[in-house]
Amino acid sequence: MPVEFLGIAATHNGSETSPRSGAAFDKEYTLKLARAHEDHGWDRVLFAYGSGSPDPAPAAAYVASRLDRLQILLAHRPNVSYPTFAAKTFATLDRISDGRLTVHFITGGSDHEQRREGDTLTKDERYSRTREYIEIVKRIWTSHEPFDHEGEHYRFHDFVSDVFPVQQPRPGVSFGGSSAAAYAAGGAEADIYALWGEPLEKTAEQIEAVKAAARAAGRTTPPRIQVAFRPIIAPTEELAWEKAHRTVDAIKARKENGEPGVVRHHRRGEPENTGSQRLISIAQSGERYDRALWTPTAAATGGAGNSNALVGTPETVARALLDYYDLGVDIISARGYDLLGDAIDFGRHVIPLVREEVAKRDAERAARDPQALVEAGR
């Protein structure tokens, strides 16, 4: 299977290095950024979720109705709506987008953030709820007869939807997390398992944990693997590293000034979620790993999700991404700090290099062992 690229569908131009210049939902910028991804070789964009952020579902519908090819990854927290309602929302959005929707279910790694919207469950309870929620949504998407549900977290009777997805049998389900509970839930239910960028050795360990969880759930085909990075590229290595250090300086300056949107705020000072804890631990153990992985961006943001960088020329970053592809990663999530400019540069200078080499490698593998390539899902 060819490698795929996931960008960010931000609703304004702010990032960790610069404050936004307009409203939280800037309609013109949202479309401009999405169109830049579509025009420069990206496959899909993520509409993220935050307790106080613009609702990603109507923002995704707005973009989907105006672009023809770009796929949508919609982030959704199960605590914010009942699964019967959510399933209809997703099916409607899949209709609006002509079958371009994937849903990324977020369990929630911070008690403080979850409680902002009334969610008081513990972390383990949240994972249990998410798993049940996904099971219900999948059934609603595919069931044309009314059914009852009596579960640990949800109960309803005689429900059937009148709106069904374009995609058959259903849209894809994406899931992320780095704890044992996350592996168990995502290994059982996800079509795509999302990880944050870590050194190759640790990424390989996480991939094996996801595969083991999928086998334990009785699956014969594990989820596809997605890994996320913050690429920092420039025409030369020297310029790329200068840019990287300027980026961290800008993050730190905004943090020192107390500006919003720079770091993830943890109620007790340390992150509760395993993924952020891992990023902090990796940063404490070293700044540089493998070909191009650089951790000071993660350290500066307090282990905020998707915060490890890949630094270098387009050729260096492309080779680093191919190292992850060789581990079994076939979806690359990337987001720069200048959201629009970096999306264009990455699309122009990195994506073609990776696609070309992946096609070459897949052709070579197919020539050597056609059946092995089929079994690998590629």
Protein backbone atom coordinates (compact mmCIF):
# COMPACT_ATOMS: atom_id res chain seq x y z
CA MET A 1 0.00 0.00 0.00
CA PRO A 2 1.41 3.45 -0.87
CA VAL A 3 2.38 5.70 2.00
CA GLU A 4 -0.19 8.34 3.01
CA PHE A 5 0.29 11.80 4.48
CA LEU A 6 -1.85 13.49 7.13
CA GLY A 7 -1.69 17.23 7.76
CA ILE A 8 -3.49 19.55 10.13
CA ALA A 9 -6.76 21.37 9.40
CA ALA A 10 -6.28 24.28 11.78
CA THR A 11 -9.10 26.81 12.04
CA HIS A 12 -6.69 29.73 12.58
CA ASN A 13 -3.04 30.56 11.92
CA GLY A 14 -1.68 30.34 15.46
CA SER A 15 0.91 27.81 16.62
CA GLU A 16 3.33 27.27 19.48
CA THR A 17 5.67 29.84 17.91
CA SER A 18 3.21 32.61 17.04
CA PRO A 19 -0.20 33.80 18.31
CA ARG A 20 -3.18 33.72 16.01
CA SER A 21 -3.98 36.91 14.16
CA GLY A 22 -7.76 36.54 14.04
CA ALA A 23 -10.71 34.65 15.48
CA ALA A 24 -10.59 31.08 16.75
CA PHE A 25 -12.54 30.07 13.65
CA ASP A 26 -11.17 31.98 10.69
CA LYS A 27 -13.27 30.65 7.81
CA GLU A 28 -11.03 31.96 5.04
CA TYR A 29 -7.81 30.69 6.62
CA THR A 30 -9.35 27.28 7.36
CA LEU A 31 -10.20 26.78 3.69
CA LYS A 32 -6.90 28.25 2.48
CA LEU A 33 -4.88 25.87 4.64
CA ALA A 34 -6.95 22.85 3.60
CA ARG A 35 -6.65 23.79 -0.07
CA ALA A 36 -2.88 24.09 0.29
CA HIS A 37 -2.80 20.50 1.53
CA GLU A 38 -4.99 19.28 -1.31
CA ASP A 39 -2.89 21.12 -3.90
CA HIS A 40 0.45 19.85 -2.59
CA GLY A 41 0.07 16.10 -2.38
CA TRP A 42 -1.37 15.49 1.08
CA ASP A 43 -3.99 12.74 1.47
CA ARG A 44 -6.00 13.97 4.46
CA VAL A 45 -6.10 16.56 7.21
CA LEU A 46 -6.98 16.25 10.88
CA PHE A 47 -9.70 18.37 12.43
CA ALA A 48 -8.55 18.27 16.05
CA TYR A 49 -10.67 18.58 19.19
CA GLY A 50 -10.23 20.77 22.26
CA SER A 51 -12.69 21.58 25.03
CA GLY A 52 -12.85 25.27 24.14
CA SER A 53 -11.96 25.07 20.45
CA PRO A 54 -14.31 25.46 17.46
CA ASP A 55 -16.41 22.37 16.84
CA PRO A 56 -14.47 20.30 14.30
CA ALA A 57 -17.49 18.57 12.69
CA PRO A 58 -19.04 21.66 11.02
CA ALA A 59 -15.56 22.95 10.18
CA ALA A 60 -14.85 19.64 8.44
CA ALA A 61 -18.19 19.80 6.61
CA TYR A 62 -17.36 23.32 5.44
CA VAL A 63 -14.03 22.21 3.97
CA ALA A 64 -15.36 18.94 2.55
CA SER A 65 -18.10 20.76 0.66
CA ARG A 66 -15.55 23.02 -1.05
CA LEU A 67 -12.72 20.61 -1.87
CA ASP A 68 -12.91 17.55 -4.08
CA ARG A 69 -10.09 15.19 -3.10
CA LEU A 70 -8.79 15.93 0.38
CA GLN A 71 -9.85 13.32 2.94
CA ILE A 72 -11.08 14.22 6.42
CA LEU A 73 -9.89 12.85 9.75
CA LEU A 74 -12.37 14.05 12.36
CA ALA A 75 -11.33 13.93 16.02
CA HIS A 76 -14.15 13.10 18.43
CA ARG A 77 -14.36 12.63 22.20
CA PRO A 78 -17.05 10.13 23.28
CA ASN A 79 -17.94 12.19 26.35
CA VAL A 80 -19.38 15.06 24.30
CA SER A 81 -22.32 13.26 22.64
CA TYR A 82 -24.34 10.06 22.78
CA PRO A 83 -23.17 7.44 20.25
CA THR A 84 -26.54 7.34 18.45
CA PHE A 85 -26.25 11.07 17.76
CA ALA A 86 -22.56 10.89 16.86
CA ALA A 87 -23.03 8.01 14.41
CA LYS A 88 -25.60 10.06 12.48
CA THR A 89 -23.30 13.10 12.47
CA PHE A 90 -20.44 11.01 11.08
CA ALA A 91 -22.65 9.37 8.44
CA THR A 92 -23.93 12.78 7.35
CA LEU A 93 -20.39 14.11 7.07
CA ASP A 94 -19.37 11.06 5.05
CA ARG A 95 -22.26 11.92 2.72
CA ILE A 96 -21.20 15.56 2.46
CA SER A 97 -17.61 14.51 1.68
CA ASP A 98 -18.61 11.77 -0.80
CA GLY A 99 -16.99 9.09 1.32
CA ARG A 100 -13.83 10.87 2.49
CA LEU A 101 -14.29 10.56 6.27
CA THR A 102 -12.25 8.75 8.91
CA VAL A 103 -13.09 9.26 12.59
CA HIS A 104 -10.37 9.54 15.22
CA PHE A 105 -11.76 8.63 18.65
CA ILE A 106 -10.06 10.40 21.57
CA THR A 107 -10.34 8.82 25.00
CA GLY A 108 -8.74 11.78 26.80
CA GLY A 109 -5.43 11.81 28.65
CA SER A 110 -6.04 14.65 31.11
CA ASP A 111 -8.63 14.56 33.90
CA HIS A 112 -8.58 18.36 34.01
CA GLU A 113 -9.34 18.73 30.30
CA GLN A 114 -12.06 16.08 30.42
CA ARG A 115 -13.77 17.68 33.41
CA ARG A 116 -14.04 20.97 31.55
CA GLU A 117 -16.91 19.31 29.69
CA GLY A 118 -18.34 17.35 32.59
CA ASP A 119 -16.46 14.06 32.16
CA THR A 120 -15.56 12.66 35.59
CA LEU A 121 -14.67 9.08 34.66
CA THR A 122 -11.25 7.68 35.48
CA LYS A 123 -8.77 6.97 32.70
CA ASP A 124 -9.48 3.22 32.66
CA GLU A 125 -13.23 3.90 32.69
CA ARG A 126 -12.78 6.25 29.75
CA TYR A 127 -11.04 3.57 27.71
CA SER A 128 -13.83 1.14 28.50
CA ARG A 129 -16.38 3.73 27.41
CA THR A 130 -14.50 4.51 24.19
CA ARG A 131 -14.37 0.85 23.21
CA GLU A 132 -18.10 0.44 23.80
CA TYR A 133 -18.78 3.72 21.96
CA ILE A 134 -16.85 2.60 18.86
CA GLU A 135 -18.65 -0.75 18.85
CA ILE A 136 -22.02 1.05 18.92
CA VAL A 137 -21.08 3.53 16.19
CA LYS A 138 -19.87 0.73 13.92
CA ARG A 139 -23.13 -1.15 14.41
CA ILE A 140 -25.25 1.93 13.71
CA TRP A 141 -23.31 2.56 10.51
CA THR A 142 -24.02 -0.95 9.25
CA SER A 143 -27.39 -1.98 10.77
CA HIS A 144 -30.57 -1.38 8.80
CA GLU A 145 -32.81 -2.96 11.43
CA PRO A 146 -33.62 -1.48 14.87
CA PHE A 147 -31.61 -2.84 17.78
CA ASP A 148 -31.29 -2.48 21.54
CA HIS A 149 -28.09 -1.94 23.49
CA GLU A 150 -27.48 -2.65 27.17
CA GLY A 151 -23.87 -1.91 28.04
CA GLU A 152 -21.72 -0.64 30.86
CA HIS A 153 -21.91 2.97 29.70
CA TYR A 154 -24.81 3.21 27.24
CA ARG A 155 -28.38 1.92 27.06
CA PHE A 156 -30.95 2.52 24.35
CA HIS A 157 -33.79 0.66 22.67
CA ASP A 158 -35.14 0.11 19.17
CA PHE A 159 -32.70 2.46 17.44
CA VAL A 160 -32.04 2.54 13.71
CA SER A 161 -30.52 5.37 11.72
CA ASP A 162 -31.95 6.68 8.47
CA VAL A 163 -28.60 8.05 7.25
CA PHE A 164 -25.77 5.72 6.27
CA PRO A 165 -22.20 6.41 5.17
CA VAL A 166 -21.15 6.43 1.54
CA GLN A 167 -18.22 4.17 2.42
CA GLN A 168 -19.07 0.50 2.64
CA PRO A 169 -19.24 -1.20 4.95
CA ARG A 170 -18.32 1.90 7.00
CA PRO A 171 -15.81 4.77 7.42
CA GLY A 172 -12.45 4.04 8.98
CA VAL A 173 -11.81 4.25 12.72
CA SER A 174 -8.61 5.82 14.04
CA PHE A 175 -7.38 5.56 17.63
CA GLY A 176 -4.28 6.54 19.60
CA GLY A 177 -2.53 6.06 22.92
CA SER A 178 0.56 4.56 24.50
CA SER A 179 -0.78 2.79 27.60
CA ALA A 180 -1.73 -0.86 28.00
CA ALA A 181 -5.40 0.16 28.15
CA ALA A 182 -5.00 2.10 24.90
CA TYR A 183 -3.33 -0.80 23.13
CA ALA A 184 -6.14 -3.12 24.23
CA ALA A 185 -8.95 -0.84 23.06
CA GLY A 186 -7.31 0.32 19.86
CA GLY A 187 -5.91 -3.09 19.03
CA ALA A 188 -9.43 -4.46 19.17
CA GLU A 189 -11.35 -1.71 17.36
CA ALA A 190 -9.10 0.56 15.28
CA ASP A 191 -8.42 0.46 11.56
CA ILE A 192 -5.59 2.97 12.11
CA TYR A 193 -3.47 3.20 15.25
CA ALA A 194 -1.89 6.62 15.77
CA LEU A 195 1.42 7.09 17.59
CA TRP A 196 3.51 10.16 18.35
CA GLY A 197 6.99 10.27 16.85
CA GLU A 198 9.56 8.50 19.00
CA PRO A 199 12.98 6.97 18.27
CA LEU A 200 12.84 4.01 15.90
CA GLU A 201 13.51 1.42 18.59
CA LYS A 202 10.69 2.66 20.81
CA THR A 203 8.33 3.00 17.86
CA ALA A 204 9.00 -0.61 16.92
CA GLU A 205 8.16 -1.66 20.48
CA GLN A 206 4.85 0.20 20.34
CA ILE A 207 3.96 -1.33 16.98
CA GLU A 208 4.54 -4.80 18.41
CA ALA A 209 2.35 -3.93 21.42
CA VAL A 210 -0.48 -2.86 19.09
CA LYS A 211 -0.13 -6.05 17.04
CA ALA A 212 -0.15 -8.18 20.18
CA ALA A 213 -3.32 -6.44 21.40
CA ALA A 214 -4.96 -7.04 18.04
CA ARG A 215 -4.10 -10.74 18.19
CA ALA A 216 -5.42 -10.95 21.75
CA ALA A 217 -8.70 -9.48 20.48
CA GLY A 218 -8.93 -12.22 17.87
CA ARG A 219 -8.00 -10.10 14.87
CA THR A 220 -6.01 -11.60 12.01
CA THR A 221 -5.18 -8.20 10.49
CA PRO A 222 -3.73 -5.53 12.82
CA PRO A 223 -4.45 -1.81 12.50
CA ARG A 224 -2.44 0.29 10.09
CA ILE A 225 0.18 2.39 11.88
CA GLN A 226 0.37 6.18 11.78
CA VAL A 227 3.22 8.18 13.34
CA ALA A 228 3.27 11.96 13.86
CA PHE A 229 6.17 14.44 13.65
CA ARG A 230 6.92 18.17 13.51
CA PRO A 231 9.21 18.51 10.45
CA ILE A 232 11.68 21.42 10.33
CA ILE A 233 13.23 21.56 6.88
CA ALA A 234 15.55 23.93 4.99
CA PRO A 235 17.74 23.77 1.86
CA THR A 236 20.88 22.87 3.86
CA GLU A 237 21.52 21.02 7.12
CA GLU A 238 23.02 24.14 8.66
CA LEU A 239 19.98 26.25 7.81
CA ALA A 240 17.64 23.54 9.07
CA TRP A 241 19.34 23.40 12.45
CA GLU A 242 19.39 27.19 12.71
CA LYS A 243 15.64 27.11 12.01
CA ALA A 244 15.15 24.40 14.63
CA HIS A 245 16.87 26.42 17.34
CA ARG A 246 14.90 29.54 16.39
CA THR A 247 11.73 27.48 16.70
CA VAL A 248 12.53 26.34 20.23
CA ASP A 249 13.57 29.87 21.22
CA ALA A 250 10.21 31.16 19.99
CA ILE A 251 8.32 28.50 21.94
CA LYS A 252 10.24 29.30 25.10
CA ALA A 253 9.76 33.05 24.67
CA ARG A 254 6.00 32.67 24.33
CA LYS A 255 5.97 30.34 27.33
CA GLU A 256 7.94 32.82 29.46
CA ASN A 257 5.53 35.58 28.47
CA GLY A 258 2.60 33.45 29.60
CA GLU A 259 0.98 33.47 26.18
CA PRO A 260 -1.86 30.97 25.63
CA GLY A 261 -1.63 27.99 23.33
CA VAL A 262 2.06 27.28 23.89
CA VAL A 263 2.22 24.35 26.29
CA ARG A 264 -0.09 21.69 27.60
CA HIS A 265 -1.13 22.69 31.10
CA HIS A 266 -1.15 19.84 33.62
CA ARG A 267 -3.06 20.28 36.85
CA ARG A 268 -0.32 18.68 38.97
CA GLY A 269 2.61 19.83 36.86
CA GLU A 270 3.23 16.49 35.12
CA PRO A 271 1.20 14.95 32.31
CA GLU A 272 -1.19 12.15 33.20
CA ASN A 273 -1.18 10.47 29.80
CA THR A 274 1.45 7.85 29.01
CA GLY A 275 2.24 9.30 25.58
CA SER A 276 3.35 12.67 26.98
CA GLN A 277 5.25 10.97 29.79
CA ARG A 278 7.14 8.98 27.17
CA LEU A 279 8.01 12.11 25.18
CA ILE A 280 9.37 13.85 28.27
CA SER A 281 11.40 10.79 29.25
CA ILE A 282 12.88 10.51 25.76
CA ALA A 283 13.78 14.22 25.79
CA GLN A 284 15.47 13.85 29.16
CA SER A 285 17.56 10.99 27.80
CA GLY A 286 18.85 12.88 24.78
CA GLU A 287 18.24 15.58 22.21
CA ARG A 288 18.99 13.70 18.98
CA TYR A 289 18.07 10.19 17.87
CA ASP A 290 18.48 8.19 14.69
CA ARG A 291 18.83 10.25 11.48
CA ALA A 292 16.91 13.39 12.35
CA LEU A 293 14.66 13.06 15.44
CA TRP A 294 15.05 16.05 17.76
CA THR A 295 13.37 16.29 21.17
CA PRO A 296 13.78 19.90 22.47
CA THR A 297 10.49 20.90 20.83
CA ALA A 298 8.72 18.27 22.93
CA ALA A 299 10.58 19.33 26.07
CA ALA A 300 9.68 22.99 25.51
CA THR A 301 5.96 22.22 25.26
CA GLY A 302 5.78 19.91 28.28
CA GLY A 303 5.31 16.74 26.26
CA ALA A 304 2.40 18.05 24.21
CA GLY A 305 1.20 15.57 21.62
CA ASN A 306 3.02 15.37 18.29
CA SER A 307 5.90 17.56 19.39
CA ASN A 308 9.10 15.70 18.45
CA ALA A 309 10.72 17.22 15.38
CA LEU A 310 12.51 15.82 12.35
CA VAL A 311 15.25 18.27 11.36
CA GLY A 312 17.25 18.51 8.14
CA THR A 313 17.08 18.97 4.42
CA PRO A 314 14.11 17.48 2.58
CA GLU A 315 16.32 14.55 1.61
CA THR A 316 17.35 13.90 5.23
CA VAL A 317 13.78 14.12 6.53
CA ALA A 318 12.53 11.89 3.71
CA ARG A 319 15.13 9.24 4.56
CA ALA A 320 14.14 9.45 8.22
CA LEU A 321 10.49 8.91 7.32
CA LEU A 322 11.45 5.92 5.17
CA ASP A 323 13.12 4.37 8.21
CA TYR A 324 9.71 4.45 9.91
CA TYR A 325 8.04 3.09 6.79
CA ASP A 326 10.42 0.15 6.97
CA LEU A 327 9.12 -0.53 10.50
CA GLY A 328 5.59 -0.85 9.14
CA VAL A 329 4.40 2.75 9.33
CA ASP A 330 2.39 3.70 6.23
CA ILE A 331 0.63 6.88 7.39
CA ILE A 332 2.83 9.88 8.17
CA SER A 333 1.35 12.75 10.17
CA ALA A 334 3.29 16.00 9.83
CA ARG A 335 2.68 19.55 10.96
CA GLY A 336 5.04 22.50 10.85
CA TYR A 337 5.10 25.62 13.00
CA ASP A 338 4.22 27.96 10.13
CA LEU A 339 1.11 25.95 9.33
CA LEU A 340 0.49 27.20 5.81
CA GLY A 341 4.05 27.73 4.61
CA ASP A 342 5.33 24.49 6.07
CA ALA A 343 2.44 22.48 4.60
CA ILE A 344 3.34 23.80 1.16
CA ASP A 345 7.09 23.26 1.58
CA PHE A 346 6.69 19.74 2.95
CA GLY A 347 4.28 18.88 0.16
CA ARG A 348 6.61 20.22 -2.51
CA HIS A 349 9.92 18.95 -1.23
CA VAL A 350 9.43 15.91 1.04
CA ILE A 351 6.27 14.06 0.01
CA PRO A 352 7.42 13.38 -3.59
CA LEU A 353 10.74 11.97 -2.36
CA VAL A 354 9.04 9.59 0.06
CA ARG A 355 6.40 8.47 -2.42
CA GLU A 356 8.98 7.78 -5.11
CA GLU A 357 11.16 5.69 -2.81
CA VAL A 358 8.20 3.81 -1.34
CA ALA A 359 7.02 2.88 -4.84
CA LYS A 360 10.53 1.70 -5.68
CA ARG A 361 10.84 -0.38 -2.51
CA ASP A 362 7.40 -1.92 -2.93
CA ALA A 363 8.21 -2.85 -6.53
CA GLU A 364 11.46 -4.48 -5.43
CA ARG A 365 9.71 -6.40 -2.66
CA ALA A 366 6.98 -7.53 -5.01
CA ALA A 367 9.57 -8.81 -7.45
CA ARG A 368 11.37 -10.74 -4.71
CA ASP A 369 8.33 -12.12 -2.91
CA PRO A 370 4.86 -11.12 -4.22
CA GLN A 371 2.98 -13.01 -1.49
CA ALA A 372 4.93 -11.37 1.33
CA LEU A 373 3.91 -7.95 0.03
CA VAL A 374 0.26 -8.99 -0.05
CA GLU A 375 0.42 -10.31 3.51
CA ALA A 376 2.04 -7.08 4.68
CA GLY A 377 -0.93 -5.13 3.36
CA ARG A 378 1.19 -3.30 0.82
